[in-house]
Amino acid sequence: MTDLVNEGIIVFSEASASKDPVPGGGGVSALCGSLAASLAEMVTNLTIGKKKYLEYTEELTQCRDQADMLRQKLLACIEEDAEAFAPLAEAYALPKDSEGYAEKMESCLRKAAQPPFEIMRLCTQIIEMDERLAVIGSKLAVSDAATSVVLARGAMYGGYMNVLVNTRLMKDREYAARMDADADALLKEYSRRADDTFEDIRRRLTDG
């Protein structure tokens, strides 16, 4: 498996633009999520130590550590998404009447749906952090918190679509429905919270 994370931005973008299936929507969503975490971490680094925000030092330090952890986990999701897709691609190539086809396909679909759902889950934590950073972060970096929250929101939408593209083909409709419901709930709540945070920052920057 090619190391997608360490190849660099130019190579990654060229690979994503090619006809190769990875990195696709899942990997790109993970990258967007990691960049959202990076910006959240930057806000903490630009705020910690400033006299006006000293009372928040402990909380900001915790946010910084969490953002760094989320950034690394989302970068790992790029590779995990690619690795989960590989056996699914092989399953697609099998004759539908081959022995064990249905079971293999079902297993591969479940595994392929996990990384994008994890991307969604991790991005909810970034959105929660940005909500707080919009309050306790340096006003000089508040635009970066807004950028972070919309990137996390976009990564969630990308993860969501990559959950659905797998669950729609599952034969176990009860399992698929549960996963869809979990993804729907995350998207509904956190897209709203991201929008609210972005709009709050926008109003502050435009005085209205």
N, C-alpha and C. Protein backbone atom coordinates (compact mmCIF):
# COMPACT_ATOMS: atom_id res chain seq x y z
N MET A 1 0.84 -1.19 0.00
CA MET A 1 0.00 0.00 0.00
C MET A 1 0.88 1.25 0.00
N THR A 2 0.64 2.13 -0.93
CA THR A 2 1.39 3.38 -0.98
C THR A 2 1.09 4.22 0.25
N ASP A 3 2.12 4.86 0.79
CA ASP A 3 1.92 5.70 1.96
C ASP A 3 1.37 7.05 1.50
N LEU A 4 0.06 7.17 1.52
CA LEU A 4 -0.59 8.37 1.01
C LEU A 4 -0.28 9.59 1.86
N VAL A 5 -0.10 9.40 3.15
CA VAL A 5 0.09 10.53 4.05
C VAL A 5 1.43 11.21 3.82
N ASN A 6 2.48 10.42 3.60
CA ASN A 6 3.83 10.98 3.51
C ASN A 6 4.24 11.36 2.09
N GLU A 7 3.36 11.22 1.14
CA GLU A 7 3.73 11.54 -0.24
C GLU A 7 3.81 13.04 -0.50
N GLY A 8 3.08 13.83 0.26
CA GLY A 8 3.09 15.28 0.04
C GLY A 8 1.82 15.75 -0.63
N ILE A 9 1.55 17.05 -0.48
CA ILE A 9 0.29 17.62 -0.94
C ILE A 9 0.14 17.51 -2.46
N ILE A 10 1.19 17.83 -3.20
CA ILE A 10 1.09 17.81 -4.66
C ILE A 10 0.81 16.41 -5.17
N VAL A 11 1.55 15.43 -4.67
CA VAL A 11 1.35 14.05 -5.11
C VAL A 11 -0.03 13.56 -4.69
N PHE A 12 -0.45 13.91 -3.48
CA PHE A 12 -1.76 13.50 -3.00
C PHE A 12 -2.86 14.07 -3.89
N SER A 13 -2.76 15.35 -4.21
CA SER A 13 -3.80 15.97 -5.03
C SER A 13 -3.81 15.39 -6.44
N GLU A 14 -2.64 15.08 -6.98
CA GLU A 14 -2.58 14.47 -8.31
C GLU A 14 -3.17 13.06 -8.28
N ALA A 15 -2.90 12.32 -7.20
CA ALA A 15 -3.46 10.98 -7.07
C ALA A 15 -4.97 11.03 -6.95
N SER A 16 -5.46 12.01 -6.20
CA SER A 16 -6.90 12.15 -6.04
C SER A 16 -7.57 12.55 -7.35
N ALA A 17 -6.87 13.30 -8.18
CA ALA A 17 -7.42 13.75 -9.46
C ALA A 17 -7.40 12.65 -10.52
N SER A 18 -6.63 11.59 -10.29
CA SER A 18 -6.48 10.53 -11.28
C SER A 18 -7.68 9.60 -11.27
N LYS A 19 -7.65 8.60 -12.16
CA LYS A 19 -8.74 7.62 -12.23
C LYS A 19 -8.62 6.53 -11.17
N ASP A 20 -7.52 6.56 -10.41
CA ASP A 20 -7.37 5.59 -9.33
C ASP A 20 -8.43 5.85 -8.26
N PRO A 21 -8.99 4.79 -7.67
CA PRO A 21 -10.09 4.98 -6.71
C PRO A 21 -9.67 5.56 -5.37
N VAL A 22 -8.39 5.48 -5.03
CA VAL A 22 -7.91 6.08 -3.79
C VAL A 22 -6.68 6.94 -4.09
N PRO A 23 -6.54 8.07 -3.40
CA PRO A 23 -7.47 8.59 -2.40
C PRO A 23 -8.71 9.18 -3.07
N GLY A 24 -9.87 8.78 -2.55
CA GLY A 24 -11.13 9.31 -3.06
C GLY A 24 -11.80 10.18 -2.03
N GLY A 25 -13.12 10.14 -2.01
CA GLY A 25 -13.87 11.01 -1.12
C GLY A 25 -13.55 10.80 0.34
N GLY A 26 -13.34 9.56 0.74
CA GLY A 26 -13.03 9.29 2.14
C GLY A 26 -11.68 9.87 2.54
N GLY A 27 -10.66 9.60 1.73
CA GLY A 27 -9.32 10.11 2.04
C GLY A 27 -9.24 11.62 2.02
N VAL A 28 -9.91 12.23 1.04
CA VAL A 28 -9.91 13.69 0.96
C VAL A 28 -10.65 14.29 2.15
N SER A 29 -11.73 13.65 2.57
CA SER A 29 -12.46 14.12 3.75
C SER A 29 -11.58 14.05 4.99
N ALA A 30 -10.84 12.97 5.12
CA ALA A 30 -9.93 12.83 6.26
C ALA A 30 -8.87 13.92 6.24
N LEU A 31 -8.35 14.23 5.06
CA LEU A 31 -7.36 15.30 4.95
C LEU A 31 -7.96 16.64 5.36
N CYS A 32 -9.16 16.92 4.88
CA CYS A 32 -9.84 18.17 5.27
C CYS A 32 -10.04 18.23 6.78
N GLY A 33 -10.42 17.11 7.36
CA GLY A 33 -10.60 17.07 8.80
C GLY A 33 -9.30 17.32 9.55
N SER A 34 -8.21 16.76 9.04
CA SER A 34 -6.91 16.97 9.70
C SER A 34 -6.49 18.43 9.62
N LEU A 35 -6.80 19.08 8.50
CA LEU A 35 -6.48 20.50 8.36
C LEU A 35 -7.35 21.35 9.29
N ALA A 36 -8.59 20.92 9.48
CA ALA A 36 -9.46 21.61 10.44
C ALA A 36 -8.85 21.53 11.84
N ALA A 37 -8.36 20.35 12.20
CA ALA A 37 -7.72 20.18 13.51
C ALA A 37 -6.46 21.02 13.61
N SER A 38 -5.71 21.10 12.51
CA SER A 38 -4.48 21.91 12.49
C SER A 38 -4.79 23.37 12.79
N LEU A 39 -5.84 23.89 12.18
CA LEU A 39 -6.20 25.28 12.41
C LEU A 39 -6.68 25.51 13.84
N ALA A 40 -7.42 24.56 14.37
CA ALA A 40 -7.84 24.68 15.77
C ALA A 40 -6.62 24.72 16.69
N GLU A 41 -5.64 23.87 16.39
CA GLU A 41 -4.42 23.86 17.19
C GLU A 41 -3.67 25.18 17.05
N MET A 42 -3.67 25.74 15.85
CA MET A 42 -3.00 27.03 15.64
C MET A 42 -3.63 28.13 16.49
N VAL A 43 -4.97 28.11 16.57
CA VAL A 43 -5.66 29.10 17.40
C VAL A 43 -5.19 29.01 18.84
N THR A 44 -5.05 27.79 19.35
CA THR A 44 -4.59 27.65 20.74
C THR A 44 -3.16 28.17 20.89
N ASN A 45 -2.30 27.87 19.92
CA ASN A 45 -0.91 28.31 20.01
C ASN A 45 -0.77 29.82 19.91
N LEU A 46 -1.69 30.46 19.19
CA LEU A 46 -1.67 31.91 19.08
C LEU A 46 -2.29 32.60 20.29
N THR A 47 -2.94 31.82 21.14
CA THR A 47 -3.64 32.39 22.29
C THR A 47 -2.92 32.14 23.61
N ILE A 48 -2.36 30.94 23.75
CA ILE A 48 -1.68 30.58 25.00
C ILE A 48 -0.53 31.56 25.27
N GLY A 49 -0.51 32.08 26.49
CA GLY A 49 0.55 33.00 26.90
C GLY A 49 0.18 34.46 26.79
N LYS A 50 -0.90 34.76 26.07
CA LYS A 50 -1.33 36.15 25.96
C LYS A 50 -2.01 36.57 27.26
N LYS A 51 -1.66 37.74 27.74
CA LYS A 51 -2.13 38.20 29.04
C LYS A 51 -3.65 38.18 29.17
N LYS A 52 -4.32 38.58 28.12
CA LYS A 52 -5.78 38.70 28.15
C LYS A 52 -6.46 37.34 28.34
N TYR A 53 -5.75 36.25 28.00
CA TYR A 53 -6.37 34.92 28.01
C TYR A 53 -5.72 33.97 29.01
N LEU A 54 -4.96 34.53 29.96
CA LEU A 54 -4.22 33.68 30.91
C LEU A 54 -5.15 32.78 31.72
N GLU A 55 -6.35 33.24 32.02
CA GLU A 55 -7.27 32.44 32.82
C GLU A 55 -7.71 31.16 32.10
N TYR A 56 -7.52 31.13 30.79
CA TYR A 56 -7.92 29.97 29.99
C TYR A 56 -6.74 29.07 29.61
N THR A 57 -5.58 29.33 30.21
CA THR A 57 -4.37 28.61 29.80
C THR A 57 -4.53 27.10 29.89
N GLU A 58 -5.05 26.61 31.00
CA GLU A 58 -5.20 25.17 31.16
C GLU A 58 -6.15 24.58 30.13
N GLU A 59 -7.28 25.24 29.92
CA GLU A 59 -8.25 24.75 28.94
C GLU A 59 -7.68 24.81 27.53
N LEU A 60 -6.99 25.89 27.22
CA LEU A 60 -6.39 26.02 25.89
C LEU A 60 -5.32 24.97 25.65
N THR A 61 -4.56 24.65 26.68
CA THR A 61 -3.53 23.61 26.56
C THR A 61 -4.17 22.26 26.29
N GLN A 62 -5.28 21.99 26.97
CA GLN A 62 -6.01 20.75 26.72
C GLN A 62 -6.54 20.71 25.29
N CYS A 63 -7.06 21.84 24.82
CA CYS A 63 -7.55 21.92 23.44
C CYS A 63 -6.43 21.69 22.44
N ARG A 64 -5.27 22.28 22.74
CA ARG A 64 -4.12 22.10 21.85
C ARG A 64 -3.73 20.63 21.74
N ASP A 65 -3.68 19.95 22.87
CA ASP A 65 -3.31 18.53 22.87
C ASP A 65 -4.36 17.69 22.14
N GLN A 66 -5.64 18.03 22.36
CA GLN A 66 -6.70 17.30 21.70
C GLN A 66 -6.66 17.53 20.19
N ALA A 67 -6.43 18.77 19.79
CA ALA A 67 -6.37 19.07 18.36
C ALA A 67 -5.24 18.32 17.69
N ASP A 68 -4.10 18.24 18.36
CA ASP A 68 -2.96 17.51 17.79
C ASP A 68 -3.29 16.04 17.65
N MET A 69 -3.97 15.48 18.64
CA MET A 69 -4.38 14.07 18.59
C MET A 69 -5.36 13.84 17.45
N LEU A 70 -6.33 14.73 17.30
CA LEU A 70 -7.33 14.58 16.24
C LEU A 70 -6.68 14.72 14.86
N ARG A 71 -5.74 15.64 14.73
CA ARG A 71 -5.04 15.81 13.46
C ARG A 71 -4.34 14.52 13.04
N GLN A 72 -3.67 13.90 13.99
CA GLN A 72 -2.95 12.67 13.67
C GLN A 72 -3.90 11.50 13.38
N LYS A 73 -4.99 11.43 14.14
CA LYS A 73 -5.95 10.35 13.90
C LYS A 73 -6.61 10.49 12.52
N LEU A 74 -6.89 11.71 12.14
CA LEU A 74 -7.53 11.92 10.83
C LEU A 74 -6.54 11.65 9.69
N LEU A 75 -5.29 11.97 9.89
CA LEU A 75 -4.30 11.60 8.89
C LEU A 75 -4.22 10.08 8.75
N ALA A 76 -4.31 9.38 9.87
CA ALA A 76 -4.29 7.91 9.83
C ALA A 76 -5.51 7.38 9.09
N CYS A 77 -6.62 8.10 9.16
CA CYS A 77 -7.85 7.67 8.47
C CYS A 77 -7.68 7.66 6.94
N ILE A 78 -6.76 8.48 6.43
CA ILE A 78 -6.50 8.47 4.98
C ILE A 78 -6.06 7.08 4.55
N GLU A 79 -5.10 6.55 5.27
CA GLU A 79 -4.58 5.22 4.95
C GLU A 79 -5.60 4.13 5.27
N GLU A 80 -6.29 4.31 6.39
CA GLU A 80 -7.29 3.31 6.77
C GLU A 80 -8.42 3.22 5.74
N ASP A 81 -8.81 4.36 5.21
CA ASP A 81 -9.86 4.36 4.18
C ASP A 81 -9.39 3.64 2.92
N ALA A 82 -8.15 3.90 2.52
CA ALA A 82 -7.60 3.24 1.33
C ALA A 82 -7.48 1.74 1.55
N GLU A 83 -7.04 1.35 2.73
CA GLU A 83 -6.86 -0.07 3.03
C GLU A 83 -8.20 -0.80 3.10
N ALA A 84 -9.23 -0.12 3.58
CA ALA A 84 -10.55 -0.75 3.66
C ALA A 84 -11.18 -0.89 2.29
N PHE A 85 -10.83 0.00 1.38
CA PHE A 85 -11.43 -0.07 0.05
C PHE A 85 -10.81 -1.17 -0.80
N ALA A 86 -9.55 -1.48 -0.58
CA ALA A 86 -8.84 -2.45 -1.43
C ALA A 86 -9.55 -3.79 -1.53
N PRO A 87 -9.93 -4.44 -0.41
CA PRO A 87 -10.63 -5.72 -0.54
C PRO A 87 -12.03 -5.57 -1.14
N LEU A 88 -12.65 -4.42 -0.95
CA LEU A 88 -13.96 -4.19 -1.56
C LEU A 88 -13.83 -4.12 -3.07
N ALA A 89 -12.79 -3.47 -3.55
CA ALA A 89 -12.56 -3.40 -4.99
C ALA A 89 -12.35 -4.79 -5.57
N GLU A 90 -11.64 -5.63 -4.83
CA GLU A 90 -11.43 -7.01 -5.27
C GLU A 90 -12.75 -7.77 -5.30
N ALA A 91 -13.59 -7.53 -4.31
CA ALA A 91 -14.89 -8.21 -4.26
C ALA A 91 -15.78 -7.80 -5.42
N TYR A 92 -15.74 -6.53 -5.77
CA TYR A 92 -16.53 -6.05 -6.91
C TYR A 92 -16.15 -6.78 -8.20
N ALA A 93 -14.88 -7.16 -8.29
CA ALA A 93 -14.39 -7.80 -9.50
C ALA A 93 -14.75 -9.28 -9.60
N LEU A 94 -15.23 -9.87 -8.52
CA LEU A 94 -15.59 -11.29 -8.52
C LEU A 94 -16.92 -11.53 -9.23
N PRO A 95 -17.07 -12.67 -9.87
CA PRO A 95 -18.39 -13.02 -10.43
C PRO A 95 -19.41 -13.14 -9.31
N LYS A 96 -20.59 -12.63 -9.52
CA LYS A 96 -21.61 -12.63 -8.47
C LYS A 96 -22.07 -14.03 -8.08
N ASP A 97 -21.83 -15.00 -8.98
CA ASP A 97 -22.23 -16.37 -8.65
C ASP A 97 -21.08 -17.19 -8.07
N SER A 98 -19.95 -16.54 -7.76
CA SER A 98 -18.82 -17.27 -7.20
C SER A 98 -19.11 -17.63 -5.74
N GLU A 99 -18.47 -18.69 -5.28
CA GLU A 99 -18.72 -19.20 -3.93
C GLU A 99 -18.35 -18.15 -2.88
N GLY A 100 -19.24 -17.91 -1.96
CA GLY A 100 -18.98 -16.98 -0.86
C GLY A 100 -19.03 -15.52 -1.25
N TYR A 101 -19.53 -15.22 -2.45
CA TYR A 101 -19.53 -13.83 -2.93
C TYR A 101 -20.32 -12.92 -1.99
N ALA A 102 -21.53 -13.32 -1.66
CA ALA A 102 -22.41 -12.46 -0.86
C ALA A 102 -21.79 -12.16 0.50
N GLU A 103 -21.23 -13.19 1.14
CA GLU A 103 -20.65 -13.01 2.46
C GLU A 103 -19.42 -12.12 2.40
N LYS A 104 -18.59 -12.32 1.38
CA LYS A 104 -17.38 -11.52 1.23
C LYS A 104 -17.75 -10.06 0.98
N MET A 105 -18.72 -9.83 0.11
CA MET A 105 -19.14 -8.48 -0.20
C MET A 105 -19.68 -7.77 1.04
N GLU A 106 -20.50 -8.50 1.80
CA GLU A 106 -21.09 -7.90 3.00
C GLU A 106 -20.00 -7.50 4.00
N SER A 107 -19.04 -8.37 4.19
CA SER A 107 -17.94 -8.09 5.11
C SER A 107 -17.13 -6.89 4.64
N CYS A 108 -16.85 -6.84 3.36
CA CYS A 108 -16.06 -5.73 2.80
C CYS A 108 -16.80 -4.41 2.90
N LEU A 109 -18.11 -4.43 2.68
CA LEU A 109 -18.91 -3.21 2.77
C LEU A 109 -18.91 -2.67 4.20
N ARG A 110 -19.01 -3.57 5.16
CA ARG A 110 -18.99 -3.13 6.56
C ARG A 110 -17.65 -2.49 6.91
N LYS A 111 -16.57 -3.12 6.48
CA LYS A 111 -15.24 -2.59 6.77
C LYS A 111 -15.02 -1.26 6.06
N ALA A 112 -15.51 -1.13 4.84
CA ALA A 112 -15.31 0.10 4.07
C ALA A 112 -16.10 1.27 4.65
N ALA A 113 -17.20 0.97 5.33
CA ALA A 113 -18.02 2.03 5.92
C ALA A 113 -17.45 2.57 7.22
N GLN A 114 -16.54 1.83 7.84
CA GLN A 114 -16.04 2.24 9.15
C GLN A 114 -15.15 3.48 9.12
N PRO A 115 -14.14 3.56 8.22
CA PRO A 115 -13.29 4.76 8.23
C PRO A 115 -14.05 6.07 8.01
N PRO A 116 -14.97 6.15 7.03
CA PRO A 116 -15.69 7.42 6.88
C PRO A 116 -16.57 7.75 8.08
N PHE A 117 -17.11 6.74 8.75
CA PHE A 117 -17.88 7.03 9.95
C PHE A 117 -16.96 7.55 11.05
N GLU A 118 -15.76 6.99 11.14
CA GLU A 118 -14.79 7.47 12.12
C GLU A 118 -14.38 8.90 11.81
N ILE A 119 -14.26 9.23 10.54
CA ILE A 119 -13.95 10.61 10.15
C ILE A 119 -15.04 11.55 10.67
N MET A 120 -16.29 11.15 10.49
CA MET A 120 -17.39 11.95 11.01
C MET A 120 -17.27 12.14 12.52
N ARG A 121 -17.03 11.05 13.22
CA ARG A 121 -16.97 11.10 14.68
C ARG A 121 -15.85 12.01 15.16
N LEU A 122 -14.69 11.91 14.54
CA LEU A 122 -13.56 12.75 14.93
C LEU A 122 -13.85 14.23 14.64
N CYS A 123 -14.53 14.49 13.55
CA CYS A 123 -14.82 15.88 13.19
C CYS A 123 -15.84 16.52 14.14
N THR A 124 -16.69 15.71 14.76
CA THR A 124 -17.60 16.29 15.75
C THR A 124 -16.79 16.88 16.91
N GLN A 125 -15.69 16.25 17.24
CA GLN A 125 -14.86 16.76 18.33
C GLN A 125 -14.17 18.07 17.95
N ILE A 126 -13.81 18.20 16.68
CA ILE A 126 -13.23 19.46 16.21
C ILE A 126 -14.26 20.58 16.28
N ILE A 127 -15.47 20.29 15.86
CA ILE A 127 -16.54 21.29 15.90
C ILE A 127 -16.81 21.73 17.33
N GLU A 128 -16.86 20.79 18.26
CA GLU A 128 -17.04 21.13 19.66
C GLU A 128 -15.91 22.04 20.15
N MET A 129 -14.70 21.74 19.74
CA MET A 129 -13.55 22.54 20.14
C MET A 129 -13.63 23.94 19.56
N ASP A 130 -14.01 24.03 18.30
CA ASP A 130 -14.11 25.34 17.66
C ASP A 130 -15.19 26.20 18.29
N GLU A 131 -16.26 25.57 18.75
CA GLU A 131 -17.28 26.31 19.48
C GLU A 131 -16.66 27.04 20.67
N ARG A 132 -15.82 26.34 21.38
CA ARG A 132 -15.19 26.92 22.56
C ARG A 132 -14.10 27.92 22.18
N LEU A 133 -13.32 27.59 21.16
CA LEU A 133 -12.24 28.50 20.74
C LEU A 133 -12.79 29.82 20.20
N ALA A 134 -14.00 29.78 19.68
CA ALA A 134 -14.64 31.02 19.24
C ALA A 134 -14.86 31.96 20.41
N VAL A 135 -14.90 31.39 21.62
CA VAL A 135 -15.14 32.18 22.84
C VAL A 135 -13.84 32.54 23.54
N ILE A 136 -12.93 31.56 23.68
CA ILE A 136 -11.73 31.78 24.49
C ILE A 136 -10.48 31.97 23.66
N GLY A 137 -10.57 31.83 22.35
CA GLY A 137 -9.41 32.00 21.48
C GLY A 137 -9.13 33.46 21.19
N SER A 138 -7.90 33.75 20.84
CA SER A 138 -7.52 35.11 20.51
C SER A 138 -8.40 35.67 19.39
N LYS A 139 -8.85 36.90 19.56
CA LYS A 139 -9.68 37.53 18.53
C LYS A 139 -8.91 37.70 17.22
N LEU A 140 -7.59 37.72 17.31
CA LEU A 140 -6.77 37.82 16.10
C LEU A 140 -6.78 36.52 15.29
N ALA A 141 -7.22 35.42 15.93
CA ALA A 141 -7.23 34.12 15.26
C ALA A 141 -8.63 33.57 15.08
N VAL A 142 -9.63 34.40 15.37
CA VAL A 142 -11.00 33.89 15.33
C VAL A 142 -11.42 33.48 13.92
N SER A 143 -10.86 34.11 12.90
CA SER A 143 -11.18 33.71 11.52
C SER A 143 -10.66 32.31 11.23
N ASP A 144 -9.58 31.93 11.89
CA ASP A 144 -9.04 30.58 11.70
C ASP A 144 -9.93 29.54 12.37
N ALA A 145 -10.54 29.91 13.50
CA ALA A 145 -11.51 29.01 14.12
C ALA A 145 -12.71 28.82 13.22
N ALA A 146 -13.13 29.90 12.55
CA ALA A 146 -14.26 29.80 11.61
C ALA A 146 -13.90 28.92 10.42
N THR A 147 -12.68 29.07 9.91
CA THR A 147 -12.23 28.23 8.80
C THR A 147 -12.15 26.78 9.23
N SER A 148 -11.65 26.55 10.43
CA SER A 148 -11.57 25.20 10.97
C SER A 148 -12.94 24.54 11.03
N VAL A 149 -13.93 25.28 11.53
CA VAL A 149 -15.24 24.67 11.75
C VAL A 149 -15.93 24.34 10.42
N VAL A 150 -15.72 25.17 9.38
CA VAL A 150 -16.37 24.83 8.11
C VAL A 150 -15.64 23.70 7.40
N LEU A 151 -14.33 23.58 7.61
CA LEU A 151 -13.60 22.43 7.06
C LEU A 151 -14.05 21.14 7.74
N ALA A 152 -14.21 21.20 9.06
CA ALA A 152 -14.68 20.02 9.79
C ALA A 152 -16.09 19.64 9.33
N ARG A 153 -16.92 20.63 9.11
CA ARG A 153 -18.28 20.39 8.62
C ARG A 153 -18.24 19.72 7.25
N GLY A 154 -17.41 20.25 6.36
CA GLY A 154 -17.29 19.66 5.02
C GLY A 154 -16.76 18.24 5.07
N ALA A 155 -15.79 18.00 5.96
CA ALA A 155 -15.24 16.65 6.10
C ALA A 155 -16.31 15.69 6.61
N MET A 156 -17.18 16.19 7.49
CA MET A 156 -18.28 15.35 7.98
C MET A 156 -19.23 14.97 6.85
N TYR A 157 -19.56 15.93 6.00
CA TYR A 157 -20.44 15.64 4.86
C TYR A 157 -19.80 14.62 3.92
N GLY A 158 -18.49 14.77 3.68
CA GLY A 158 -17.80 13.80 2.83
C GLY A 158 -17.80 12.42 3.45
N GLY A 159 -17.53 12.35 4.75
CA GLY A 159 -17.57 11.07 5.44
C GLY A 159 -18.95 10.45 5.37
N TYR A 160 -19.97 11.28 5.55
CA TYR A 160 -21.36 10.81 5.52
C TYR A 160 -21.70 10.15 4.18
N MET A 161 -21.35 10.79 3.09
CA MET A 161 -21.65 10.24 1.78
C MET A 161 -20.92 8.92 1.54
N ASN A 162 -19.73 8.80 2.13
CA ASN A 162 -18.97 7.57 1.95
C ASN A 162 -19.44 6.46 2.88
N VAL A 163 -20.19 6.81 3.91
CA VAL A 163 -20.91 5.80 4.68
C VAL A 163 -22.07 5.27 3.84
N LEU A 164 -22.85 6.20 3.30
CA LEU A 164 -24.05 5.82 2.54
C LEU A 164 -23.75 4.97 1.31
N VAL A 165 -22.64 5.29 0.63
CA VAL A 165 -22.34 4.57 -0.60
C VAL A 165 -22.06 3.10 -0.32
N ASN A 166 -21.70 2.79 0.93
CA ASN A 166 -21.47 1.40 1.33
C ASN A 166 -22.71 0.77 1.95
N THR A 167 -23.40 1.48 2.82
CA THR A 167 -24.56 0.88 3.48
C THR A 167 -25.69 0.59 2.51
N ARG A 168 -25.78 1.35 1.44
CA ARG A 168 -26.89 1.14 0.51
C ARG A 168 -26.82 -0.22 -0.18
N LEU A 169 -25.64 -0.82 -0.23
CA LEU A 169 -25.46 -2.11 -0.90
C LEU A 169 -25.49 -3.30 0.07
N MET A 170 -25.57 -3.01 1.36
CA MET A 170 -25.55 -4.10 2.33
C MET A 170 -26.85 -4.90 2.30
N LYS A 171 -26.72 -6.21 2.40
CA LYS A 171 -27.89 -7.08 2.44
C LYS A 171 -28.55 -7.05 3.82
N ASP A 172 -27.73 -6.86 4.84
CA ASP A 172 -28.26 -6.77 6.19
C ASP A 172 -28.81 -5.36 6.39
N ARG A 173 -30.08 -5.19 6.07
CA ARG A 173 -30.69 -3.86 6.09
C ARG A 173 -30.84 -3.32 7.51
N GLU A 174 -30.95 -4.19 8.48
CA GLU A 174 -31.05 -3.72 9.86
C GLU A 174 -29.74 -3.07 10.30
N TYR A 175 -28.65 -3.72 9.98
CA TYR A 175 -27.33 -3.17 10.30
C TYR A 175 -27.13 -1.86 9.55
N ALA A 176 -27.46 -1.85 8.27
CA ALA A 176 -27.29 -0.66 7.45
C ALA A 176 -28.14 0.49 7.98
N ALA A 177 -29.36 0.20 8.39
CA ALA A 177 -30.25 1.24 8.90
C ALA A 177 -29.71 1.84 10.19
N ARG A 178 -29.15 1.00 11.05
CA ARG A 178 -28.57 1.51 12.29
C ARG A 178 -27.39 2.44 12.01
N MET A 179 -26.55 2.03 11.08
CA MET A 179 -25.39 2.85 10.76
C MET A 179 -25.82 4.16 10.11
N ASP A 180 -26.80 4.08 9.21
CA ASP A 180 -27.32 5.29 8.58
C ASP A 180 -27.91 6.23 9.61
N ALA A 181 -28.65 5.67 10.56
CA ALA A 181 -29.28 6.49 11.59
C ALA A 181 -28.23 7.19 12.46
N ASP A 182 -27.17 6.46 12.81
CA ASP A 182 -26.09 7.07 13.60
C ASP A 182 -25.42 8.19 12.83
N ALA A 183 -25.16 7.95 11.55
CA ALA A 183 -24.52 8.97 10.72
C ALA A 183 -25.44 10.17 10.53
N ASP A 184 -26.72 9.91 10.31
CA ASP A 184 -27.70 10.99 10.15
C ASP A 184 -27.74 11.87 11.39
N ALA A 185 -27.74 11.24 12.56
CA ALA A 185 -27.83 11.99 13.81
C ALA A 185 -26.61 12.89 14.00
N LEU A 186 -25.43 12.36 13.71
CA LEU A 186 -24.21 13.16 13.82
C LEU A 186 -24.25 14.34 12.87
N LEU A 187 -24.62 14.07 11.64
CA LEU A 187 -24.63 15.12 10.63
C LEU A 187 -25.63 16.22 10.98
N LYS A 188 -26.81 15.83 11.41
CA LYS A 188 -27.85 16.80 11.73
C LYS A 188 -27.42 17.73 12.86
N GLU A 189 -26.90 17.13 13.94
CA GLU A 189 -26.53 17.95 15.10
C GLU A 189 -25.31 18.82 14.82
N TYR A 190 -24.27 18.21 14.26
CA TYR A 190 -23.00 18.93 14.17
C TYR A 190 -22.91 19.86 12.97
N SER A 191 -23.66 19.61 11.93
CA SER A 191 -23.69 20.60 10.84
C SER A 191 -24.36 21.87 11.34
N ARG A 192 -25.40 21.72 12.17
CA ARG A 192 -26.06 22.89 12.74
C ARG A 192 -25.11 23.63 13.68
N ARG A 193 -24.42 22.89 14.53
CA ARG A 193 -23.50 23.54 15.47
C ARG A 193 -22.35 24.23 14.73
N ALA A 194 -21.87 23.62 13.67
CA ALA A 194 -20.81 24.25 12.88
C ALA A 194 -21.32 25.53 12.23
N ASP A 195 -22.53 25.48 11.67
CA ASP A 195 -23.12 26.66 11.05
C ASP A 195 -23.30 27.78 12.06
N ASP A 196 -23.77 27.43 13.26
CA ASP A 196 -23.99 28.43 14.30
C ASP A 196 -22.67 29.10 14.70
N THR A 197 -21.63 28.29 14.84
CA THR A 197 -20.32 28.83 15.23
C THR A 197 -19.78 29.74 14.14
N PHE A 198 -19.87 29.28 12.89
CA PHE A 198 -19.38 30.10 11.78
C PHE A 198 -20.14 31.42 11.71
N GLU A 199 -21.47 31.35 11.84
CA GLU A 199 -22.28 32.55 11.74
C GLU A 199 -22.00 33.51 12.88
N ASP A 200 -21.77 32.98 14.07
CA ASP A 200 -21.43 33.84 15.21
C ASP A 200 -20.13 34.60 14.94
N ILE A 201 -19.13 33.90 14.43
CA ILE A 201 -17.85 34.56 14.13
C ILE A 201 -18.01 35.55 12.98
N ARG A 202 -18.79 35.18 11.98
CA ARG A 202 -19.01 36.10 10.85
C ARG A 202 -19.64 37.40 11.31
N ARG A 203 -20.63 37.30 12.19
CA ARG A 203 -21.29 38.50 12.70
C ARG A 203 -20.30 39.39 13.47
N ARG A 204 -19.45 38.75 14.25
CA ARG A 204 -18.46 39.51 15.02
C ARG A 204 -17.47 40.23 14.13
N LEU A 205 -17.11 39.61 13.03
CA LEU A 205 -16.13 40.22 12.12
C LEU A 205 -16.75 41.28 11.21
N THR A 206 -18.06 41.25 11.09
CA THR A 206 -18.73 42.24 10.23
C THR A 206 -19.59 43.20 11.03
N ASP A 207 -19.52 43.09 12.34
CA ASP A 207 -20.31 43.94 13.24
C ASP A 207 -21.80 43.86 12.94
N GLY A 208 -22.23 42.67 12.58
CA GLY A 208 -23.66 42.53 12.32
C GLY A 208 -24.02 41.17 11.82
